[in-house]
Amino acid sequence: LWSTLLGKPVIGELVGSGLKLEFLPIVTTRWGDWKSRHPDT
Protein backbone atom coordinates (compact mmCIF):
# COMPACT_ATOMS: atom_id res chain seq x y z
CA LEU A 1 0.00 0.00 0.00
CA TRP A 2 1.30 3.44 -1.00
CA SER A 3 0.52 6.95 0.23
CA THR A 4 -0.82 8.95 -2.69
CA LEU A 5 0.39 12.19 -1.09
CA LEU A 6 3.95 11.01 -0.45
CA GLY A 7 4.40 8.57 -3.32
CA LYS A 8 6.00 5.99 -1.02
CA PRO A 9 4.98 2.58 0.35
CA VAL A 10 3.51 2.73 3.86
CA ILE A 11 2.35 -0.87 4.47
CA GLY A 12 3.74 -4.11 3.09
CA GLU A 13 6.76 -5.67 1.47
CA LEU A 14 8.27 -2.45 0.11
CA VAL A 15 8.27 -0.49 3.38
CA GLY A 16 11.86 0.42 4.18
CA SER A 17 13.02 -0.24 0.60
CA GLY A 18 13.81 3.42 0.01
CA LEU A 19 11.56 3.46 -3.03
CA LYS A 20 9.80 6.75 -3.71
CA LEU A 21 7.87 7.80 -6.78
CA GLU A 22 9.04 10.94 -8.57
CA PHE A 23 6.54 13.80 -8.62
CA LEU A 24 5.73 15.51 -11.91
CA PRO A 25 4.48 19.11 -12.18
CA ILE A 26 0.75 19.49 -12.81
CA VAL A 27 -1.60 22.44 -12.95
CA THR A 28 -5.28 22.72 -12.02
CA THR A 29 -6.85 25.17 -14.44
CA ARG A 30 -9.69 25.80 -16.87
CA TRP A 31 -9.94 24.15 -20.25
CA GLY A 32 -9.96 27.49 -22.08
CA ASP A 33 -6.74 28.60 -20.39
CA TRP A 34 -4.98 25.27 -20.97
CA LYS A 35 -6.08 25.05 -24.60
CA SER A 36 -4.90 28.62 -25.25
CA ARG A 37 -1.47 27.87 -23.85
CA HIS A 38 -1.25 24.47 -25.55
CA PRO A 39 -3.20 24.56 -28.82
CA ASP A 40 -1.75 21.16 -29.75
CA THR A 41 -2.96 19.57 -26.51
All heavy atoms as atom14 arrays in JSON, in Angstrom:
{
  "sequence": "LWSTLLGKPVIGELVGSGLKLEFLPIVTTRWGDWKSRHPDT",
  "atom14_mask": [
    [1, 1, 1, 1, 1, 1, 1, 1, 0, 0, 0, 0, 0, 0],
    [1, 1, 1, 1, 1, 1, 1, 1, 1, 1, 1, 1, 1, 1],
    [1, 1, 1, 1, 1, 1, 0, 0, 0, 0, 0, 0, 0, 0],
    [1, 1, 1, 1, 1, 1, 1, 0, 0, 0, 0, 0, 0, 0],
    [1, 1, 1, 1, 1, 1, 1, 1, 0, 0, 0, 0, 0, 0],
    [1, 1, 1, 1, 1, 1, 1, 1, 0, 0, 0, 0, 0, 0],
    [1, 1, 1, 1, 0, 0, 0, 0, 0, 0, 0, 0, 0, 0],
    [1, 1, 1, 1, 1, 1, 1, 1, 1, 0, 0, 0, 0, 0],
    [1, 1, 1, 1, 1, 1, 1, 0, 0, 0, 0, 0, 0, 0],
    [1, 1, 1, 1, 1, 1, 1, 0, 0, 0, 0, 0, 0, 0],
    [1, 1, 1, 1, 1, 1, 1, 1, 0, 0, 0, 0, 0, 0],
    [1, 1, 1, 1, 0, 0, 0, 0, 0, 0, 0, 0, 0, 0],
    [1, 1, 1, 1, 1, 1, 1, 1, 1, 0, 0, 0, 0, 0],
    [1, 1, 1, 1, 1, 1, 1, 1, 0, 0, 0, 0, 0, 0],
    [1, 1, 1, 1, 1, 1, 1, 0, 0, 0, 0, 0, 0, 0],
    [1, 1, 1, 1, 0, 0, 0, 0, 0, 0, 0, 0, 0, 0],
    [1, 1, 1, 1, 1, 1, 0, 0, 0, 0, 0, 0, 0, 0],
    [1, 1, 1, 1, 0, 0, 0, 0, 0, 0, 0, 0, 0, 0],
    [1, 1, 1, 1, 1, 1, 1, 1, 0, 0, 0, 0, 0, 0],
    [1, 1, 1, 1, 1, 1, 1, 1, 1, 0, 0, 0, 0, 0],
    [1, 1, 1, 1, 1, 1, 1, 1, 0, 0, 0, 0, 0, 0],
    [1, 1, 1, 1, 1, 1, 1, 1, 1, 0, 0, 0, 0, 0],
    [1, 1, 1, 1, 1, 1, 1, 1, 1, 1, 1, 0, 0, 0],
    [1, 1, 1, 1, 1, 1, 1, 1, 0, 0, 0, 0, 0, 0],
    [1, 1, 1, 1, 1, 1, 1, 0, 0, 0, 0, 0, 0, 0],
    [1, 1, 1, 1, 1, 1, 1, 1, 0, 0, 0, 0, 0, 0],
    [1, 1, 1, 1, 1, 1, 1, 0, 0, 0, 0, 0, 0, 0],
    [1, 1, 1, 1, 1, 1, 1, 0, 0, 0, 0, 0, 0, 0],
    [1, 1, 1, 1, 1, 1, 1, 0, 0, 0, 0, 0, 0, 0],
    [1, 1, 1, 1, 1, 1, 1, 1, 1, 1, 1, 0, 0, 0],
    [1, 1, 1, 1, 1, 1, 1, 1, 1, 1, 1, 1, 1, 1],
    [1, 1, 1, 1, 0, 0, 0, 0, 0, 0, 0, 0, 0, 0],
    [1, 1, 1, 1, 1, 1, 1, 1, 0, 0, 0, 0, 0, 0],
    [1, 1, 1, 1, 1, 1, 1, 1, 1, 1, 1, 1, 1, 1],
    [1, 1, 1, 1, 1, 1, 1, 1, 1, 0, 0, 0, 0, 0],
    [1, 1, 1, 1, 1, 1, 0, 0, 0, 0, 0, 0, 0, 0],
    [1, 1, 1, 1, 1, 1, 1, 1, 1, 1, 1, 0, 0, 0],
    [1, 1, 1, 1, 1, 1, 1, 1, 1, 1, 0, 0, 0, 0],
    [1, 1, 1, 1, 1, 1, 1, 0, 0, 0, 0, 0, 0, 0],
    [1, 1, 1, 1, 1, 1, 1, 1, 0, 0, 0, 0, 0, 0],
    [1, 1, 1, 1, 1, 1, 1, 0, 0, 0, 0, 0, 0, 0]
  ],
  "atom14_positions": [
    [[0.85, -1.18, 0.0], [0.0, 0.0, 0.0], [0.89, 1.24, 0.0], [1.87, 1.32, 0.74], [-0.92, 0.0, 1.22], [-2.0, -1.08, 1.26], [-2.72, -1.07, 2.6], [-3.01, -0.88, 0.13], [0.0, 0.0, 0.0], [0.0, 0.0, 0.0], [0.0, 0.0, 0.0], [0.0, 0.0, 0.0], [0.0, 0.0, 0.0], [0.0, 0.0, 0.0]],
    [[0.51, 2.23, -0.83], [1.3, 3.44, -1.0], [0.47, 4.66, -0.61], [-0.73, 4.74, -0.9], [1.73, 3.61, -2.46], [2.65, 2.56, -3.0], [2.39, 1.22, -3.14], [3.98, 2.76, -3.51], [3.47, 0.58, -3.7], [4.45, 1.49, -3.94], [4.79, 3.88, -3.65], [5.72, 1.34, -4.5], [6.06, 3.73, -4.2], [6.52, 2.46, -4.62]],
    [[1.14, 5.64, -0.01], [0.52, 6.95, 0.23], [0.47, 7.7, -1.09], [1.49, 7.85, -1.77], [1.34, 7.74, 1.24], [0.99, 9.11, 1.2], [0.0, 0.0, 0.0], [0.0, 0.0, 0.0], [0.0, 0.0, 0.0], [0.0, 0.0, 0.0], [0.0, 0.0, 0.0], [0.0, 0.0, 0.0], [0.0, 0.0, 0.0], [0.0, 0.0, 0.0]],
    [[-0.71, 8.18, -1.45], [-0.82, 8.95, -2.69], [-0.25, 10.35, -2.53], [0.1, 10.99, -3.52], [-2.28, 9.04, -3.15], [-3.06, 9.64, -2.12], [-2.85, 7.69, -3.48], [0.0, 0.0, 0.0], [0.0, 0.0, 0.0], [0.0, 0.0, 0.0], [0.0, 0.0, 0.0], [0.0, 0.0, 0.0], [0.0, 0.0, 0.0], [0.0, 0.0, 0.0]],
    [[-0.17, 10.86, -1.3], [0.39, 12.19, -1.09], [1.92, 12.18, -1.05], [2.56, 13.14, -1.49], [-0.13, 12.77, 0.24], [-1.58, 13.24, 0.24], [-1.98, 13.71, 1.63], [-1.8, 14.37, -0.76], [0.0, 0.0, 0.0], [0.0, 0.0, 0.0], [0.0, 0.0, 0.0], [0.0, 0.0, 0.0], [0.0, 0.0, 0.0], [0.0, 0.0, 0.0]],
    [[2.49, 11.08, -0.57], [3.95, 11.01, -0.45], [4.6, 10.24, -1.58], [5.79, 10.36, -1.82], [4.34, 10.34, 0.88], [3.95, 11.09, 2.15], [4.31, 10.24, 3.37], [4.65, 12.43, 2.22], [0.0, 0.0, 0.0], [0.0, 0.0, 0.0], [0.0, 0.0, 0.0], [0.0, 0.0, 0.0], [0.0, 0.0, 0.0], [0.0, 0.0, 0.0]],
    [[3.82, 9.38, -2.26], [4.4, 8.57, -3.32], [5.37, 7.54, -2.78], [6.36, 7.19, -3.45], [0.0, 0.0, 0.0], [0.0, 0.0, 0.0], [0.0, 0.0, 0.0], [0.0, 0.0, 0.0], [0.0, 0.0, 0.0], [0.0, 0.0, 0.0], [0.0, 0.0, 0.0], [0.0, 0.0, 0.0], [0.0, 0.0, 0.0], [0.0, 0.0, 0.0]],
    [[5.1, 6.98, -1.6], [6.0, 5.99, -1.02], [5.18, 4.9, -0.36], [4.05, 5.14, 0.1], [6.96, 6.63, -0.02], [6.29, 7.31, 1.13], [7.26, 8.15, 1.97], [8.31, 7.31, 2.63], [9.17, 8.12, 3.55], [0.0, 0.0, 0.0], [0.0, 0.0, 0.0], [0.0, 0.0, 0.0], [0.0, 0.0, 0.0], [0.0, 0.0, 0.0]],
    [[5.71, 3.68, -0.28], [4.98, 2.58, 0.35], [4.9, 2.79, 1.86], [5.89, 3.16, 2.5], [5.81, 1.35, 0.01], [7.18, 1.87, -0.3], [7.01, 3.24, -0.84], [0.0, 0.0, 0.0], [0.0, 0.0, 0.0], [0.0, 0.0, 0.0], [0.0, 0.0, 0.0], [0.0, 0.0, 0.0], [0.0, 0.0, 0.0], [0.0, 0.0, 0.0]],
    [[3.71, 2.52, 2.43], [3.51, 2.73, 3.86], [3.11, 1.45, 4.59], [3.21, 1.38, 5.81], [2.46, 3.83, 4.13], [2.98, 5.19, 3.71], [1.14, 3.51, 3.43], [0.0, 0.0, 0.0], [0.0, 0.0, 0.0], [0.0, 0.0, 0.0], [0.0, 0.0, 0.0], [0.0, 0.0, 0.0], [0.0, 0.0, 0.0], [0.0, 0.0, 0.0]],
    [[2.65, 0.43, 3.88], [2.35, -0.87, 4.47], [2.75, -1.96, 3.47], [2.42, -1.86, 2.29], [0.85, -1.04, 4.81], [0.4, 0.0, 5.83], [0.56, -2.44, 5.35], [-1.09, -0.05, 6.13], [0.0, 0.0, 0.0], [0.0, 0.0, 0.0], [0.0, 0.0, 0.0], [0.0, 0.0, 0.0], [0.0, 0.0, 0.0], [0.0, 0.0, 0.0]],
    [[3.47, -2.96, 3.96], [3.74, -4.11, 3.09], [5.21, -4.35, 2.81], [6.12, -3.82, 3.47], [0.0, 0.0, 0.0], [0.0, 0.0, 0.0], [0.0, 0.0, 0.0], [0.0, 0.0, 0.0], [0.0, 0.0, 0.0], [0.0, 0.0, 0.0], [0.0, 0.0, 0.0], [0.0, 0.0, 0.0], [0.0, 0.0, 0.0], [0.0, 0.0, 0.0]],
    [[5.43, -5.16, 1.81], [6.76, -5.67, 1.47], [7.78, -4.57, 1.18], [8.96, -4.7, 1.5], [6.62, -6.58, 0.24], [7.9, -7.09, -0.37], [7.65, -7.83, -1.67], [6.64, -8.56, -1.76], [8.47, -7.69, -2.59], [0.0, 0.0, 0.0], [0.0, 0.0, 0.0], [0.0, 0.0, 0.0], [0.0, 0.0, 0.0], [0.0, 0.0, 0.0]],
    [[7.33, -3.47, 0.57], [8.27, -2.45, 0.11], [8.61, -1.4, 1.16], [9.44, -0.52, 0.92], [7.72, -1.76, -1.15], [7.54, -2.65, -2.37], [7.02, -1.85, -3.55], [8.86, -3.34, -2.74], [0.0, 0.0, 0.0], [0.0, 0.0, 0.0], [0.0, 0.0, 0.0], [0.0, 0.0, 0.0], [0.0, 0.0, 0.0], [0.0, 0.0, 0.0]],
    [[7.96, -1.45, 2.33], [8.27, -0.49, 3.38], [9.74, -0.64, 3.79], [10.21, -1.75, 4.03], [7.35, -0.7, 4.6], [7.83, 0.14, 5.78], [5.92, -0.32, 4.25], [0.0, 0.0, 0.0], [0.0, 0.0, 0.0], [0.0, 0.0, 0.0], [0.0, 0.0, 0.0], [0.0, 0.0, 0.0], [0.0, 0.0, 0.0], [0.0, 0.0, 0.0]],
    [[10.45, 0.45, 3.83], [11.86, 0.42, 4.18], [12.78, 0.17, 3.0], [14.0, 0.13, 3.17], [0.0, 0.0, 0.0], [0.0, 0.0, 0.0], [0.0, 0.0, 0.0], [0.0, 0.0, 0.0], [0.0, 0.0, 0.0], [0.0, 0.0, 0.0], [0.0, 0.0, 0.0], [0.0, 0.0, 0.0], [0.0, 0.0, 0.0], [0.0, 0.0, 0.0]],
    [[12.21, 0.03, 1.81], [13.02, -0.24, 0.6], [13.71, 1.01, 0.08], [14.63, 0.91, -0.74], [12.13, -0.82, -0.5], [11.16, 0.14, -0.93], [0.0, 0.0, 0.0], [0.0, 0.0, 0.0], [0.0, 0.0, 0.0], [0.0, 0.0, 0.0], [0.0, 0.0, 0.0], [0.0, 0.0, 0.0], [0.0, 0.0, 0.0], [0.0, 0.0, 0.0]],
    [[13.27, 2.17, 0.53], [13.81, 3.42, 0.01], [13.17, 3.86, -1.28], [13.52, 4.93, -1.83], [0.0, 0.0, 0.0], [0.0, 0.0, 0.0], [0.0, 0.0, 0.0], [0.0, 0.0, 0.0], [0.0, 0.0, 0.0], [0.0, 0.0, 0.0], [0.0, 0.0, 0.0], [0.0, 0.0, 0.0], [0.0, 0.0, 0.0], [0.0, 0.0, 0.0]],
    [[12.22, 3.09, -1.79], [11.56, 3.46, -3.03], [10.65, 4.67, -2.81], [9.94, 4.77, -1.8], [10.73, 2.3, -3.57], [11.51, 1.08, -4.06], [10.55, 0.0, -4.55], [12.48, 1.47, -5.17], [0.0, 0.0, 0.0], [0.0, 0.0, 0.0], [0.0, 0.0, 0.0], [0.0, 0.0, 0.0], [0.0, 0.0, 0.0], [0.0, 0.0, 0.0]],
    [[10.65, 5.56, -3.76], [9.8, 6.75, -3.71], [9.52, 7.2, -5.14], [10.44, 7.35, -5.95], [10.48, 7.87, -2.94], [9.73, 9.19, -2.94], [10.51, 10.26, -2.18], [9.9, 11.63, -2.38], [9.94, 12.07, -3.79], [0.0, 0.0, 0.0], [0.0, 0.0, 0.0], [0.0, 0.0, 0.0], [0.0, 0.0, 0.0], [0.0, 0.0, 0.0]],
    [[8.25, 7.37, -5.44], [7.87, 7.8, -6.78], [8.27, 9.26, -7.01], [8.23, 10.08, -6.08], [6.36, 7.67, -6.97], [5.8, 6.24, -6.89], [4.28, 6.28, -6.88], [6.3, 5.4, -8.05], [0.0, 0.0, 0.0], [0.0, 0.0, 0.0], [0.0, 0.0, 0.0], [0.0, 0.0, 0.0], [0.0, 0.0, 0.0], [0.0, 0.0, 0.0]],
    [[8.64, 9.58, -8.23], [9.04, 10.94, -8.57], [7.82, 11.76, -8.98], [7.09, 11.39, -9.89], [10.06, 10.92, -9.7], [10.57, 12.3, -10.08], [11.56, 12.27, -11.24], [12.01, 11.16, -11.6], [11.87, 13.35, -11.78], [0.0, 0.0, 0.0], [0.0, 0.0, 0.0], [0.0, 0.0, 0.0], [0.0, 0.0, 0.0], [0.0, 0.0, 0.0]],
    [[7.63, 12.89, -8.29], [6.54, 13.8, -8.62], [6.77, 14.42, -10.0], [7.91, 14.67, -10.41], [6.47, 14.96, -7.61], [6.04, 14.59, -6.24], [6.97, 14.36, -5.24], [4.7, 14.5, -5.91], [6.59, 14.04, -3.95], [4.29, 14.17, -4.63], [5.24, 13.94, -3.65], [0.0, 0.0, 0.0], [0.0, 0.0, 0.0], [0.0, 0.0, 0.0]],
    [[5.69, 14.73, -10.68], [5.73, 15.51, -11.91], [4.89, 16.77, -11.72], [3.87, 16.75, -11.02], [5.17, 14.7, -13.08], [6.03, 13.53, -13.55], [5.2, 12.58, -14.41], [7.23, 14.03, -14.33], [0.0, 0.0, 0.0], [0.0, 0.0, 0.0], [0.0, 0.0, 0.0], [0.0, 0.0, 0.0], [0.0, 0.0, 0.0], [0.0, 0.0, 0.0]],
    [[5.28, 17.89, -12.32], [4.48, 19.11, -12.18], [3.13, 18.97, -12.88], [3.02, 18.38, -13.96], [5.33, 20.18, -12.87], [6.72, 19.61, -12.93], [6.53, 18.14, -13.07], [0.0, 0.0, 0.0], [0.0, 0.0, 0.0], [0.0, 0.0, 0.0], [0.0, 0.0, 0.0], [0.0, 0.0, 0.0], [0.0, 0.0, 0.0], [0.0, 0.0, 0.0]],
    [[2.1, 19.5, -12.25], [0.75, 19.49, -12.81], [0.11, 20.83, -12.48], [0.55, 21.54, -11.56], [-0.07, 18.33, -12.22], [-1.33, 18.08, -13.05], [-0.41, 18.56, -10.75], [-2.07, 16.8, -12.69], [0.0, 0.0, 0.0], [0.0, 0.0, 0.0], [0.0, 0.0, 0.0], [0.0, 0.0, 0.0], [0.0, 0.0, 0.0], [0.0, 0.0, 0.0]],
    [[-0.9, 21.19, -13.22], [-1.6, 22.44, -12.95], [-3.11, 22.19, -12.99], [-3.6, 21.45, -13.86], [-1.2, 23.54, -13.96], [-1.63, 23.19, -15.37], [-1.75, 24.89, -13.54], [0.0, 0.0, 0.0], [0.0, 0.0, 0.0], [0.0, 0.0, 0.0], [0.0, 0.0, 0.0], [0.0, 0.0, 0.0], [0.0, 0.0, 0.0], [0.0, 0.0, 0.0]],
    [[-3.81, 22.75, -12.02], [-5.28, 22.72, -12.02], [-5.74, 24.03, -12.62], [-5.43, 25.11, -12.1], [-5.83, 22.57, -10.59], [-5.34, 21.34, -10.04], [-7.35, 22.53, -10.61], [0.0, 0.0, 0.0], [0.0, 0.0, 0.0], [0.0, 0.0, 0.0], [0.0, 0.0, 0.0], [0.0, 0.0, 0.0], [0.0, 0.0, 0.0], [0.0, 0.0, 0.0]],
    [[-6.48, 23.97, -13.72], [-6.85, 25.17, -14.44], [-8.17, 24.97, -15.16], [-8.88, 24.0, -14.91], [-5.71, 25.56, -15.41], [-6.01, 26.83, -16.02], [-5.5, 24.51, -16.49], [0.0, 0.0, 0.0], [0.0, 0.0, 0.0], [0.0, 0.0, 0.0], [0.0, 0.0, 0.0], [0.0, 0.0, 0.0], [0.0, 0.0, 0.0], [0.0, 0.0, 0.0]],
    [[-8.48, 25.89, -16.05], [-9.69, 25.8, -16.87], [-9.31, 25.38, -18.29], [-8.23, 25.71, -18.78], [-10.43, 27.15, -16.9], [-10.8, 27.68, -15.52], [-11.93, 26.91, -14.91], [-12.22, 27.35, -13.53], [-13.24, 26.91, -12.8], [-14.05, 25.99, -13.32], [-13.44, 27.34, -11.57], [0.0, 0.0, 0.0], [0.0, 0.0, 0.0], [0.0, 0.0, 0.0]],
    [[-10.21, 24.67, -18.92], [-9.94, 24.15, -20.25], [-9.56, 25.27, -21.22], [-8.62, 25.13, -22.0], [-11.14, 23.38, -20.76], [-11.1, 22.99, -22.21], [-11.99, 23.35, -23.17], [-10.13, 22.16, -22.86], [-11.66, 22.79, -24.38], [-10.51, 22.05, -24.22], [-9.0, 21.5, -22.43], [-9.78, 21.32, -25.15], [-8.26, 20.77, -23.36], [-8.66, 20.67, -24.69]],
    [[-10.26, 26.4, -21.16], [-9.96, 27.49, -22.08], [-8.54, 28.0, -21.91], [-7.84, 28.28, -22.89], [0.0, 0.0, 0.0], [0.0, 0.0, 0.0], [0.0, 0.0, 0.0], [0.0, 0.0, 0.0], [0.0, 0.0, 0.0], [0.0, 0.0, 0.0], [0.0, 0.0, 0.0], [0.0, 0.0, 0.0], [0.0, 0.0, 0.0], [0.0, 0.0, 0.0]],
    [[-8.09, 28.13, -20.66], [-6.74, 28.6, -20.39], [-5.7, 27.59, -20.86], [-4.71, 27.94, -21.5], [-6.59, 28.86, -18.89], [-5.22, 29.38, -18.5], [-4.85, 30.48, -18.97], [-4.51, 28.69, -17.74], [0.0, 0.0, 0.0], [0.0, 0.0, 0.0], [0.0, 0.0, 0.0], [0.0, 0.0, 0.0], [0.0, 0.0, 0.0], [0.0, 0.0, 0.0]],
    [[-5.93, 26.31, -20.57], [-4.98, 25.27, -20.97], [-4.9, 25.15, -22.49], [-3.8, 25.06, -23.05], [-5.38, 23.93, -20.35], [-4.46, 22.8, -20.71], [-4.67, 21.83, -21.64], [-3.17, 22.54, -20.14], [-3.59, 20.97, -21.69], [-2.66, 21.39, -20.78], [-2.4, 23.17, -19.16], [-1.41, 20.85, -20.46], [-1.16, 22.63, -18.83], [-0.67, 21.48, -19.49]],
    [[-6.04, 25.18, -23.14], [-6.08, 25.05, -24.6], [-5.4, 26.24, -25.27], [-4.72, 26.08, -26.31], [-7.54, 24.95, -25.05], [-7.75, 24.77, -26.54], [-9.22, 24.56, -26.85], [-10.06, 25.72, -26.35], [-11.48, 25.6, -26.78], [0.0, 0.0, 0.0], [0.0, 0.0, 0.0], [0.0, 0.0, 0.0], [0.0, 0.0, 0.0], [0.0, 0.0, 0.0]],
    [[-5.55, 27.43, -24.69], [-4.9, 28.62, -25.25], [-3.39, 28.52, -25.15], [-2.67, 28.89, -26.09], [-5.39, 29.87, -24.51], [-4.69, 31.02, -24.93], [0.0, 0.0, 0.0], [0.0, 0.0, 0.0], [0.0, 0.0, 0.0], [0.0, 0.0, 0.0], [0.0, 0.0, 0.0], [0.0, 0.0, 0.0], [0.0, 0.0, 0.0], [0.0, 0.0, 0.0]],
    [[-2.91, 28.0, -24.03], [-1.47, 27.87, -23.85], [-0.89, 26.71, -24.65], [0.29, 26.72, -25.03], [-1.15, 27.65, -22.37], [-1.31, 28.89, -21.5], [-1.16, 28.57, -20.02], [-1.12, 29.78, -19.23], [-0.01, 30.42, -18.87], [1.16, 29.91, -19.23], [-0.05, 31.53, -18.16], [0.0, 0.0, 0.0], [0.0, 0.0, 0.0], [0.0, 0.0, 0.0]],
    [[-1.7, 25.68, -24.86], [-1.25, 24.47, -25.55], [-2.24, 24.1, -26.66], [-3.02, 23.16, -26.52], [-1.12, 23.32, -24.55], [-0.19, 23.6, -23.41], [1.18, 23.5, -23.52], [-0.44, 24.01, -22.13], [1.74, 23.82, -22.36], [0.78, 24.13, -21.51], [0.0, 0.0, 0.0], [0.0, 0.0, 0.0], [0.0, 0.0, 0.0], [0.0, 0.0, 0.0]],
    [[-2.23, 24.83, -27.75], [-3.2, 24.56, -28.82], [-3.1, 23.16, -29.41], [-4.05, 22.65, -30.0], [-2.88, 25.63, -29.88], [-1.51, 26.12, -29.54], [-1.35, 25.97, -28.07], [0.0, 0.0, 0.0], [0.0, 0.0, 0.0], [0.0, 0.0, 0.0], [0.0, 0.0, 0.0], [0.0, 0.0, 0.0], [0.0, 0.0, 0.0], [0.0, 0.0, 0.0]],
    [[-1.93, 22.52, -29.23], [-1.75, 21.16, -29.75], [-2.07, 20.1, -28.69], [-1.77, 18.91, -28.88], [-0.33, 20.95, -30.26], [0.72, 21.21, -29.18], [0.37, 21.79, -28.12], [1.91, 20.85, -29.38], [0.0, 0.0, 0.0], [0.0, 0.0, 0.0], [0.0, 0.0, 0.0], [0.0, 0.0, 0.0], [0.0, 0.0, 0.0], [0.0, 0.0, 0.0]],
    [[-2.67, 20.51, -27.58], [-2.96, 19.57, -26.51], [-3.97, 18.52, -26.93], [-4.79, 18.73, -27.84], [-3.49, 20.3, -25.27], [-3.59, 19.38, -24.17], [-4.89, 20.87, -25.52], [0.0, 0.0, 0.0], [0.0, 0.0, 0.0], [0.0, 0.0, 0.0], [0.0, 0.0, 0.0], [0.0, 0.0, 0.0], [0.0, 0.0, 0.0], [0.0, 0.0, 0.0]]
  ]
}
